[in-house]
N, C-alpha and C. Protein backbone atom coordinates (compact mmCIF):
# COMPACT_ATOMS: atom_id res chain seq x y z
N ILE A 1 7.50 13.91 4.91
CA ILE A 1 7.24 13.74 3.64
C ILE A 1 5.89 12.72 3.70
N ALA A 2 6.32 11.73 4.23
CA ALA A 2 5.27 10.65 4.16
C ALA A 2 3.67 11.17 4.90
N ALA A 3 4.15 11.91 5.88
CA ALA A 3 2.87 12.44 6.69
C ALA A 3 2.04 13.58 5.63
N ILE A 4 2.78 14.25 5.07
CA ILE A 4 2.43 15.35 4.18
C ILE A 4 1.52 14.74 3.09
N GLY A 5 2.12 13.86 2.22
CA GLY A 5 1.61 13.22 1.44
C GLY A 5 0.57 12.26 1.45
N MET A 6 0.73 11.48 2.45
CA MET A 6 -0.60 10.73 2.80
C MET A 6 -1.82 11.78 3.12
N THR A 7 -1.47 12.61 4.01
CA THR A 7 -2.59 13.33 4.30
C THR A 7 -3.49 13.92 3.10
N LEU A 8 -2.43 14.61 2.21
CA LEU A 8 -3.04 15.20 1.05
C LEU A 8 -3.79 13.86 0.40
N GLY A 9 -3.20 12.99 0.03
CA GLY A 9 -3.95 11.86 -0.81
C GLY A 9 -5.20 11.23 -0.01
N VAL A 10 -5.05 11.21 1.42
CA VAL A 10 -6.55 10.91 2.12
C VAL A 10 -7.57 11.64 1.94
N ALA A 11 -7.07 13.37 1.90
CA ALA A 11 -7.91 14.24 1.81
C ALA A 11 -8.62 14.36 0.23
N ILE A 12 -7.93 13.92 -0.83
CA ILE A 12 -8.15 13.94 -2.18
C ILE A 12 -9.04 12.81 -2.35
N GLY A 13 -8.64 11.57 -1.77
CA GLY A 13 -9.55 10.63 -1.76
C GLY A 13 -11.11 10.90 -0.97
N SER A 14 -11.08 11.62 -0.06
CA SER A 14 -12.32 11.75 0.84
C SER A 14 -13.36 12.66 -0.19
N VAL A 15 -12.69 13.81 -0.80
CA VAL A 15 -13.65 14.65 -1.66
C VAL A 15 -13.95 13.95 -2.92
N THR A 16 -13.17 13.17 -3.33
CA THR A 16 -13.47 12.31 -4.53
C THR A 16 -14.07 11.15 -4.55
N ALA A 17 -14.26 10.70 -3.36
CA ALA A 17 -14.76 9.26 -3.37
C ALA A 17 -15.86 8.94 -4.12
N HIS A 18 -16.57 9.78 -4.22
CA HIS A 18 -18.03 9.49 -4.79
C HIS A 18 -17.95 9.70 -6.51
N LEU A 19 -16.83 9.98 -6.98
CA LEU A 19 -16.35 9.88 -8.38
C LEU A 19 -15.51 8.96 -9.06
N ILE A 20 -14.83 7.96 -8.01
CA ILE A 20 -13.83 7.26 -8.24
C ILE A 20 -14.44 5.86 -8.62
N ILE A 21 -13.70 5.44 -9.83
CA ILE A 21 -14.15 4.13 -10.46
C ILE A 21 -13.18 2.99 -9.50
N GLU A 22 -13.60 2.29 -8.59
CA GLU A 22 -12.57 1.51 -7.58
C GLU A 22 -11.94 0.63 -8.46
N TRP A 23 -12.61 -0.35 -9.16
CA TRP A 23 -11.93 -1.39 -9.91
C TRP A 23 -11.00 -0.84 -10.77
N LEU A 24 -11.30 0.29 -11.55
CA LEU A 24 -10.00 0.77 -12.11
C LEU A 24 -8.98 1.17 -11.47
N ILE A 25 -9.06 1.95 -10.45
CA ILE A 25 -8.01 2.29 -9.34
C ILE A 25 -7.19 0.87 -9.05
N THR A 26 -7.89 -0.28 -8.83
CA THR A 26 -7.18 -1.25 -8.34
C THR A 26 -6.40 -1.97 -9.33
N VAL A 27 -6.89 -1.82 -10.77
CA VAL A 27 -6.25 -2.19 -11.76
C VAL A 27 -4.84 -1.34 -11.99
N LEU A 28 -5.08 -0.05 -11.68
CA LEU A 28 -3.80 0.94 -11.95
C LEU A 28 -2.85 0.72 -10.93
N ILE A 29 -3.32 0.51 -9.89
CA ILE A 29 -2.61 0.07 -8.61
C ILE A 29 -1.68 -1.16 -8.91
N GLY A 30 -2.18 -2.30 -9.35
CA GLY A 30 -1.88 -3.54 -9.63
C GLY A 30 -0.62 -3.42 -10.81
N LEU A 31 -1.33 -2.52 -11.92
CA LEU A 31 0.00 -2.41 -12.89
C LEU A 31 1.11 -1.64 -12.72
N MET A 32 1.02 -0.30 -11.70
CA MET A 32 2.20 0.18 -11.22
C MET A 32 2.90 -0.47 -10.34
N GLY A 33 2.36 -1.43 -9.48
CA GLY A 33 3.28 -2.37 -8.67
C GLY A 33 3.77 -3.32 -9.37
N GLY A 34 3.13 -3.96 -10.18
CA GLY A 34 3.73 -5.20 -11.06
C GLY A 34 4.88 -4.78 -11.97
N LEU A 35 4.83 -3.71 -12.54
CA LEU A 35 5.72 -2.93 -13.56
C LEU A 35 7.04 -2.84 -12.56
N PHE A 36 6.73 -1.99 -11.47
CA PHE A 36 7.90 -1.74 -10.51
C PHE A 36 8.53 -2.86 -10.17
N ALA A 37 7.85 -3.96 -9.76
CA ALA A 37 8.42 -5.27 -9.22
C ALA A 37 9.25 -5.81 -10.34
N LEU A 38 8.60 -5.97 -11.59
CA LEU A 38 9.37 -6.61 -12.52
C LEU A 38 10.70 -5.74 -12.88
N ARG A 39 10.60 -4.63 -13.09
CA ARG A 39 11.72 -3.86 -13.29
C ARG A 39 12.90 -4.26 -12.09
N MET A 40 12.42 -4.24 -10.88
CA MET A 40 13.40 -4.65 -9.72
C MET A 40 14.06 -5.98 -9.86
N LEU A 41 13.13 -6.92 -10.31
CA LEU A 41 13.42 -8.17 -10.44
C LEU A 41 14.28 -8.80 -11.48
N THR A 42 14.16 -7.74 -12.55
CA THR A 42 14.99 -8.03 -13.94
C THR A 42 16.22 -7.30 -13.98
N GLN A 43 16.61 -6.16 -13.25
CA GLN A 43 17.66 -5.34 -12.77
C GLN A 43 18.83 -6.43 -12.88
N ARG A 44 20.15 -6.13 -13.58
CA ARG A 44 21.07 -6.83 -13.21
C ARG A 44 22.21 -6.12 -12.46
N GLY A 45 22.95 -6.64 -11.52
CA GLY A 45 23.51 -5.96 -10.71
C GLY A 45 22.63 -5.57 -9.41
N ASP A 46 23.36 -4.90 -8.22
CA ASP A 46 22.51 -4.03 -7.28
C ASP A 46 22.42 -2.66 -7.65
N PRO A 47 21.14 -2.14 -7.79
CA PRO A 47 21.33 -0.75 -8.22
C PRO A 47 21.47 0.09 -7.29
N ALA A 48 22.03 1.54 -7.64
CA ALA A 48 22.60 2.36 -6.59
C ALA A 48 21.51 2.73 -5.79
N LYS A 49 21.65 3.16 -4.46
CA LYS A 49 20.75 3.47 -3.52
C LYS A 49 20.57 5.01 -4.09
N LYS A 50 19.24 5.16 -4.05
CA LYS A 50 18.68 6.55 -4.31
C LYS A 50 18.45 7.61 -3.01
N PRO A 51 18.93 9.02 -3.26
CA PRO A 51 18.50 9.55 -2.22
C PRO A 51 17.10 10.00 -2.27
N ILE A 52 16.96 10.47 -0.98
CA ILE A 52 15.35 10.74 -0.94
C ILE A 52 14.97 12.13 -1.85
N HIS A 53 14.24 12.20 -2.61
CA HIS A 53 13.75 13.28 -3.59
C HIS A 53 12.62 13.83 -2.89
N THR A 54 12.31 14.90 -2.62
CA THR A 54 11.37 15.52 -1.83
C THR A 54 10.04 15.40 -2.72
N GLY A 55 10.21 15.87 -4.39
CA GLY A 55 9.21 15.82 -5.21
C GLY A 55 8.75 14.37 -5.45
N ARG A 56 9.45 13.34 -5.75
CA ARG A 56 9.23 12.21 -5.68
C ARG A 56 8.50 11.42 -4.63
N GLY A 57 9.02 11.62 -3.47
CA GLY A 57 8.54 11.52 -2.14
C GLY A 57 6.79 11.91 -1.94
N LEU A 58 6.82 13.01 -2.39
CA LEU A 58 5.62 13.60 -2.00
C LEU A 58 4.48 13.14 -2.97
N PHE A 59 4.73 12.75 -4.19
CA PHE A 59 4.15 12.24 -5.32
C PHE A 59 3.81 10.92 -5.00
N TRP A 60 4.53 10.11 -4.47
CA TRP A 60 4.29 8.62 -4.10
C TRP A 60 3.50 8.36 -3.00
N THR A 61 3.69 9.27 -2.20
CA THR A 61 3.28 9.25 -0.81
C THR A 61 1.60 9.87 -0.86
N THR A 62 1.41 10.63 -1.79
CA THR A 62 0.22 11.02 -1.81
C THR A 62 -0.70 10.10 -2.60
N ILE A 63 -0.34 9.66 -3.64
CA ILE A 63 -0.68 8.07 -4.02
C ILE A 63 -0.91 7.00 -3.29
N ALA A 64 -0.11 6.75 -2.36
CA ALA A 64 -0.35 6.00 -1.30
C ALA A 64 -1.46 6.28 -0.32
N GLY A 65 -1.43 7.53 0.01
CA GLY A 65 -2.67 8.13 0.96
C GLY A 65 -4.03 7.76 0.00
N PHE A 66 -4.10 8.18 -1.06
CA PHE A 66 -5.20 8.24 -1.71
C PHE A 66 -5.84 6.94 -2.01
N THR A 67 -4.68 5.95 -2.59
CA THR A 67 -5.04 4.41 -2.99
C THR A 67 -5.52 3.65 -1.49
N SER A 68 -4.77 4.13 -0.40
CA SER A 68 -5.20 3.64 0.88
C SER A 68 -6.54 3.92 1.16
N PHE A 69 -7.04 5.15 0.93
CA PHE A 69 -8.30 5.75 1.35
C PHE A 69 -9.44 4.86 0.47
N ILE A 70 -9.09 4.83 -0.85
CA ILE A 70 -9.92 4.65 -1.97
C ILE A 70 -10.17 3.04 -1.82
N SER A 71 -9.22 2.20 -1.69
CA SER A 71 -9.30 0.72 -1.69
C SER A 71 -8.24 -0.16 -0.99
N HIS A 72 -7.75 0.47 0.01
CA HIS A 72 -7.14 -0.16 1.25
C HIS A 72 -5.77 -0.69 0.33
N ASN A 73 -5.02 -0.05 -0.61
CA ASN A 73 -4.22 -0.63 -1.36
C ASN A 73 -2.85 0.44 -1.43
N GLY A 74 -2.84 1.16 -0.54
CA GLY A 74 -1.50 1.87 -0.77
C GLY A 74 -0.12 1.47 -0.70
N GLY A 75 0.11 0.23 -0.43
CA GLY A 75 1.37 -0.69 -0.50
C GLY A 75 2.06 -0.40 -1.75
N PRO A 76 1.72 -0.58 -2.85
CA PRO A 76 2.43 -0.66 -3.99
C PRO A 76 3.07 0.92 -4.02
N PRO A 77 2.21 1.82 -4.29
CA PRO A 77 3.04 2.96 -4.48
C PRO A 77 3.82 3.56 -3.36
N TRP A 78 3.56 3.16 -2.08
CA TRP A 78 4.71 3.16 -0.92
C TRP A 78 5.94 2.55 -1.29
N GLN A 79 5.74 1.23 -1.80
CA GLN A 79 7.16 0.55 -2.08
C GLN A 79 7.79 1.07 -3.17
N ILE A 80 7.05 1.73 -4.14
CA ILE A 80 7.77 2.48 -5.27
C ILE A 80 8.67 3.61 -4.80
N PHE A 81 8.02 4.15 -3.85
CA PHE A 81 8.94 5.34 -3.26
C PHE A 81 9.82 4.73 -2.35
N THR A 82 9.68 3.85 -1.58
CA THR A 82 10.62 3.66 -0.49
C THR A 82 11.84 2.03 -0.85
N LEU A 83 11.55 1.45 -1.82
CA LEU A 83 12.38 0.36 -1.95
C LEU A 83 13.65 1.10 -2.56
N PRO A 84 13.61 1.80 -3.56
CA PRO A 84 14.82 2.38 -4.21
C PRO A 84 15.67 3.00 -3.30
N LEU A 85 15.17 3.58 -2.08
CA LEU A 85 15.95 4.27 -0.93
C LEU A 85 17.08 3.39 -0.25
N LYS A 86 17.03 2.12 -0.65
CA LYS A 86 17.76 1.16 0.16
C LYS A 86 18.09 1.25 1.65
N LEU A 87 16.79 1.13 2.11
CA LEU A 87 16.74 1.58 3.67
C LEU A 87 17.10 0.24 4.40
N GLN A 88 17.53 0.06 5.53
CA GLN A 88 18.05 -1.41 6.12
C GLN A 88 16.54 -1.65 6.61
N LYS A 89 16.58 -3.22 6.48
CA LYS A 89 15.09 -3.84 6.60
C LYS A 89 14.49 -3.38 7.91
N SER A 90 15.11 -3.14 8.87
CA SER A 90 14.42 -2.47 10.26
C SER A 90 13.85 -1.25 10.07
N VAL A 91 14.63 -0.17 9.39
CA VAL A 91 13.99 1.10 8.74
C VAL A 91 12.93 1.04 8.22
N PHE A 92 13.04 0.33 7.25
CA PHE A 92 11.99 -0.12 6.06
C PHE A 92 10.65 -0.33 6.53
N VAL A 93 10.77 -1.38 7.47
CA VAL A 93 9.44 -2.13 8.07
C VAL A 93 9.01 -1.01 9.04
N GLY A 94 9.87 -0.37 9.92
CA GLY A 94 9.39 0.59 10.97
C GLY A 94 8.62 1.78 10.24
N THR A 95 9.44 2.41 9.45
CA THR A 95 8.96 3.58 8.77
C THR A 95 7.60 3.14 7.99
N SER A 96 7.53 1.99 7.39
CA SER A 96 6.02 1.59 6.77
C SER A 96 4.85 1.37 7.96
N VAL A 97 5.57 0.90 8.78
CA VAL A 97 4.37 0.73 10.06
C VAL A 97 3.92 2.26 10.52
N ILE A 98 4.93 2.66 10.72
CA ILE A 98 4.55 4.14 11.45
C ILE A 98 3.75 5.02 10.28
N ALA A 99 4.30 4.98 8.88
CA ALA A 99 3.37 5.78 7.95
C ALA A 99 2.09 5.28 7.69
N PHE A 100 1.73 3.87 7.74
CA PHE A 100 0.41 3.29 7.50
C PHE A 100 -0.54 3.46 8.67
N SER A 101 0.26 3.47 9.97
CA SER A 101 -0.67 3.71 11.09
C SER A 101 -0.87 5.17 11.06
N TYR A 102 -0.34 6.06 10.79
CA TYR A 102 -0.79 7.48 10.80
C TYR A 102 -1.68 7.65 9.52
N CYS A 103 -1.52 6.85 8.40
CA CYS A 103 -2.60 7.19 7.51
C CYS A 103 -3.88 6.54 7.74
N ASN A 104 -3.96 5.26 8.60
CA ASN A 104 -5.15 4.67 8.65
C ASN A 104 -5.58 5.31 9.91
N ALA A 105 -5.13 5.96 10.91
CA ALA A 105 -5.61 6.92 11.82
C ALA A 105 -6.42 8.20 11.28
N ILE A 106 -5.69 8.81 10.37
CA ILE A 106 -6.32 9.93 9.69
C ILE A 106 -7.56 9.75 8.64
N LYS A 107 -7.40 8.35 8.20
CA LYS A 107 -8.79 7.93 7.37
C LYS A 107 -10.03 7.93 8.23
N LEU A 108 -9.75 7.75 9.56
CA LEU A 108 -11.16 7.64 10.34
C LEU A 108 -11.97 9.04 10.25
N ILE A 109 -11.42 9.82 9.92
CA ILE A 109 -12.19 10.99 10.09
C ILE A 109 -12.87 11.34 8.76
N PRO A 110 -12.35 11.00 7.75
CA PRO A 110 -13.37 11.25 6.53
C PRO A 110 -14.34 10.14 6.39
N TYR A 111 -14.01 8.77 7.12
CA TYR A 111 -14.66 7.50 7.22
C TYR A 111 -15.98 7.85 7.76
N ILE A 112 -15.61 8.40 8.95
CA ILE A 112 -16.98 8.73 9.74
C ILE A 112 -17.72 9.89 9.07
N TRP A 113 -17.10 10.87 8.53
CA TRP A 113 -17.82 11.87 7.76
C TRP A 113 -18.75 11.18 6.80
N LEU A 114 -18.26 10.37 5.93
CA LEU A 114 -18.95 9.40 4.92
C LEU A 114 -19.63 8.55 5.30
N GLY A 115 -19.91 8.27 6.65
CA GLY A 115 -20.88 7.34 7.22
C GLY A 115 -20.22 5.78 7.04
N GLN A 116 -18.98 5.45 6.88
CA GLN A 116 -18.38 4.26 6.61
C GLN A 116 -18.01 3.47 7.97
N VAL A 117 -17.98 4.35 8.91
CA VAL A 117 -17.93 3.68 10.34
C VAL A 117 -19.01 3.76 11.00
N ASN A 118 -19.30 2.26 11.51
CA ASN A 118 -20.53 2.04 12.31
C ASN A 118 -20.22 1.21 13.45
N MET A 119 -21.08 0.71 14.09
CA MET A 119 -21.12 -0.24 15.13
C MET A 119 -20.59 -1.70 14.68
N GLN A 120 -21.05 -2.09 13.61
CA GLN A 120 -20.26 -3.37 12.98
C GLN A 120 -19.20 -3.28 12.53
N SER A 121 -18.79 -2.28 11.92
CA SER A 121 -17.05 -1.95 11.55
C SER A 121 -16.30 -2.05 12.72
N SER A 122 -16.73 -1.25 13.68
CA SER A 122 -16.25 -1.14 14.96
C SER A 122 -15.72 -2.32 15.59
N PHE A 123 -16.95 -3.31 15.48
CA PHE A 123 -16.92 -4.61 16.30
C PHE A 123 -15.72 -5.40 15.48
N VAL A 124 -16.02 -5.34 14.18
CA VAL A 124 -15.01 -6.01 13.39
C VAL A 124 -13.74 -5.58 13.54
N SER A 125 -13.27 -4.57 13.56
CA SER A 125 -11.97 -3.93 13.98
C SER A 125 -11.42 -4.37 15.26
N LEU A 126 -12.31 -4.42 16.22
CA LEU A 126 -12.01 -5.05 17.79
C LEU A 126 -11.72 -6.22 17.71
N PHE A 127 -12.62 -7.00 16.94
CA PHE A 127 -12.17 -8.57 16.72
C PHE A 127 -10.96 -8.83 16.03
N LEU A 128 -10.31 -7.92 15.08
CA LEU A 128 -9.35 -8.39 14.34
C LEU A 128 -8.20 -7.73 14.97
N MET A 129 -7.90 -7.06 16.12
CA MET A 129 -7.09 -6.45 17.01
C MET A 129 -5.92 -7.43 17.12
N LEU A 130 -6.59 -8.56 17.75
CA LEU A 130 -5.48 -9.71 18.65
C LEU A 130 -4.98 -10.46 17.26
N PRO A 131 -5.32 -10.79 16.23
CA PRO A 131 -4.85 -11.44 15.23
C PRO A 131 -3.85 -10.45 14.54
N ALA A 132 -4.01 -9.05 14.72
CA ALA A 132 -3.17 -8.14 14.09
C ALA A 132 -1.99 -7.86 14.81
N ALA A 133 -2.21 -7.87 16.12
CA ALA A 133 -0.83 -7.73 17.21
C ALA A 133 -0.19 -9.12 17.12
N LEU A 134 -0.73 -10.29 16.98
CA LEU A 134 0.01 -11.69 16.73
C LEU A 134 0.98 -11.56 15.41
N ALA A 135 0.18 -10.68 14.32
CA ALA A 135 0.76 -10.76 13.16
C ALA A 135 2.25 -9.86 13.40
N VAL A 136 2.11 -8.85 13.91
CA VAL A 136 2.93 -7.85 14.47
C VAL A 136 4.22 -8.68 15.01
N TYR A 137 4.01 -9.29 15.98
CA TYR A 137 4.92 -10.05 16.76
C TYR A 137 5.70 -11.06 15.79
N LEU A 138 4.97 -12.00 15.04
CA LEU A 138 5.54 -12.85 14.02
C LEU A 138 6.38 -11.69 13.03
N GLY A 139 5.86 -10.80 12.30
CA GLY A 139 6.48 -10.14 11.68
C GLY A 139 8.02 -9.62 11.99
N VAL A 140 7.97 -9.26 13.41
CA VAL A 140 9.13 -8.70 14.04
C VAL A 140 10.32 -10.01 14.09
N PHE A 141 9.94 -11.16 14.62
CA PHE A 141 10.41 -12.13 14.52
C PHE A 141 11.02 -12.78 13.20
N TRP A 142 10.35 -12.51 12.03
CA TRP A 142 10.88 -13.13 10.80
C TRP A 142 11.92 -11.99 10.39
N VAL A 143 11.24 -10.59 10.73
CA VAL A 143 12.49 -9.53 10.01
C VAL A 143 13.78 -10.02 10.74
N LYS A 144 13.95 -10.11 12.10
CA LYS A 144 15.00 -10.21 12.65
C LYS A 144 15.99 -11.49 12.08
N LYS A 145 15.10 -12.28 11.85
CA LYS A 145 15.98 -13.77 11.39
C LYS A 145 16.23 -13.90 9.81
N ILE A 146 15.50 -13.34 9.08
CA ILE A 146 15.78 -13.07 7.66
C ILE A 146 17.08 -12.25 7.03
N PRO A 147 17.95 -12.67 6.31
CA PRO A 147 19.04 -11.98 5.69
C PRO A 147 18.45 -10.67 5.00
N GLU A 148 19.29 -9.60 5.12
CA GLU A 148 18.42 -8.39 4.80
C GLU A 148 18.44 -8.67 3.06
N ALA A 149 19.28 -9.00 2.34
CA ALA A 149 19.08 -9.38 0.77
C ALA A 149 17.86 -9.95 0.41
N LEU A 150 17.61 -11.37 1.05
CA LEU A 150 16.59 -12.10 1.05
C LEU A 150 15.55 -11.45 1.31
N PHE A 151 15.17 -10.90 2.46
CA PHE A 151 14.10 -10.05 2.90
C PHE A 151 13.56 -9.19 1.66
N PHE A 152 14.43 -8.28 1.24
CA PHE A 152 14.09 -7.38 0.15
C PHE A 152 13.59 -8.23 -1.10
N LYS A 153 14.21 -9.12 -1.47
CA LYS A 153 13.80 -9.94 -2.60
C LYS A 153 12.27 -10.58 -2.35
N PHE A 154 12.14 -11.07 -1.16
CA PHE A 154 10.65 -11.36 -0.63
C PHE A 154 9.83 -10.34 -0.78
N VAL A 155 10.18 -9.16 -0.31
CA VAL A 155 9.43 -8.12 -0.40
C VAL A 155 8.90 -7.67 -1.77
N THR A 156 9.87 -7.97 -2.70
CA THR A 156 9.68 -7.52 -4.23
C THR A 156 8.87 -8.67 -4.81
N TRP A 157 8.90 -9.55 -4.76
CA TRP A 157 8.02 -10.85 -5.19
C TRP A 157 6.88 -10.85 -4.77
N ALA A 158 6.55 -10.54 -3.31
CA ALA A 158 5.60 -10.19 -2.69
C ALA A 158 4.73 -8.92 -3.39
N LEU A 159 5.20 -7.99 -3.65
CA LEU A 159 4.76 -6.71 -4.57
C LEU A 159 4.24 -7.28 -5.95
N MET A 160 5.02 -8.22 -6.38
CA MET A 160 4.59 -8.90 -7.84
C MET A 160 3.42 -9.63 -7.60
N ILE A 161 3.15 -10.38 -6.74
CA ILE A 161 2.04 -11.44 -6.69
C ILE A 161 0.89 -10.48 -6.05
N ILE A 162 1.04 -9.51 -5.07
CA ILE A 162 -0.25 -8.55 -4.65
C ILE A 162 -0.36 -7.88 -5.96
N SER A 163 0.51 -7.41 -7.06
CA SER A 163 0.20 -6.65 -7.87
C SER A 163 -0.77 -7.18 -8.69
N ILE A 164 -0.33 -8.58 -9.13
CA ILE A 164 -1.15 -9.62 -9.78
C ILE A 164 -2.68 -9.80 -9.37
N LYS A 165 -2.60 -9.89 -8.12
CA LYS A 165 -3.89 -10.16 -7.44
C LYS A 165 -4.90 -9.04 -7.68
N LEU A 166 -4.14 -7.62 -7.57
CA LEU A 166 -4.93 -6.55 -7.52
C LEU A 166 -5.57 -6.39 -9.23
N ILE A 167 -4.68 -6.68 -10.00
CA ILE A 167 -5.28 -6.54 -11.40
C ILE A 167 -6.19 -7.43 -11.76
N TRP A 168 -6.28 -8.76 -11.35
CA TRP A 168 -7.11 -9.92 -11.18
C TRP A 168 -8.60 -9.31 -10.58
N ASP A 169 -8.60 -8.71 -9.32
CA ASP A 169 -9.54 -8.38 -8.50
C ASP A 169 -10.24 -7.24 -8.98
N GLY A 170 -9.40 -6.14 -9.68
CA GLY A 170 -10.04 -4.90 -10.31
C GLY A 170 -10.80 -5.61 -11.81
N LEU A 171 -10.10 -6.38 -12.46
CA LEU A 171 -10.96 -6.83 -13.86
C LEU A 171 -11.99 -7.60 -13.35
N MET A 172 -11.93 -8.47 -12.41
CA MET A 172 -13.35 -9.15 -11.99
C MET A 172 -14.38 -8.44 -11.29
N ASP A 173 -14.00 -7.15 -10.89
CA ASP A 173 -15.20 -5.96 -10.39
C ASP A 173 -15.58 -5.38 -11.61
N SER A 174 -14.83 -5.28 -12.76
CA SER A 174 -15.38 -4.42 -13.84
C SER A 174 -16.44 -4.92 -14.32
N PRO A 175 -16.96 -3.66 -15.14
CA PRO A 175 -18.35 -3.98 -16.00
C PRO A 175 -18.01 -5.06 -17.07
N LEU A 176 -16.84 -5.56 -17.83
CA LEU A 176 -16.56 -6.42 -18.36
C LEU A 176 -16.73 -7.71 -17.68
N ALA A 177 -16.43 -7.70 -16.81
CA ALA A 177 -16.55 -8.99 -15.93
C ALA A 177 -18.09 -9.03 -15.46
N ARG A 178 -18.84 -8.39 -15.06
CA ARG A 178 -20.08 -8.48 -14.87
C ARG A 178 -21.03 -8.54 -16.08
N GLY A 179 -20.46 -8.19 -17.09
CA GLY A 179 -21.39 -8.56 -18.34
C GLY A 179 -20.87 -9.85 -18.89
N GLY A 180 -20.11 -10.46 -18.51
CA GLY A 180 -19.58 -12.17 -18.66
C GLY A 180 -18.71 -12.08 -19.83
N LEU A 181 -17.78 -10.89 -19.87
CA LEU A 181 -16.70 -10.98 -20.82
C LEU A 181 -15.47 -11.81 -20.40
N PHE A 182 -15.41 -11.81 -18.91
CA PHE A 182 -14.14 -12.43 -18.13
C PHE A 182 -14.62 -13.63 -17.48
């Protein structure tokens, strides 16, 4: 499901990139993630595990691929799909890593086509490979150490914080902010 949806989302993003209002997409992603996180944080008891629903999965992974292509913010839609599945933390993390590795790899094709990959961006990518690799090893260490319930509570709070930041960033990039209203 993830590969199909993300491929579709990247394809939609690549052909509509010139039409997209990026600040608005950023605000919408933040609102989606924030409302979802708020619902998760305020639920009483432990909600039941939801089975994988192909239609829902295809929808959210397409949104994740699209938003990952447009604004590098595919995480909130991805988590809206995956968190209710109640995967084990190692499966959740591993699936997320594989899905976004795939998504980032396929984004290269339209990025090259749109002229967004150049020598400077390639050097920046090479420079960031070492810190990224260190972050992966640090992440593996912490995933092994943190109890499962605490891990998912942390993921949900992180989604809330990231969503608030996305809303803020989107509003600060909006014409309202540029006109001095924010």
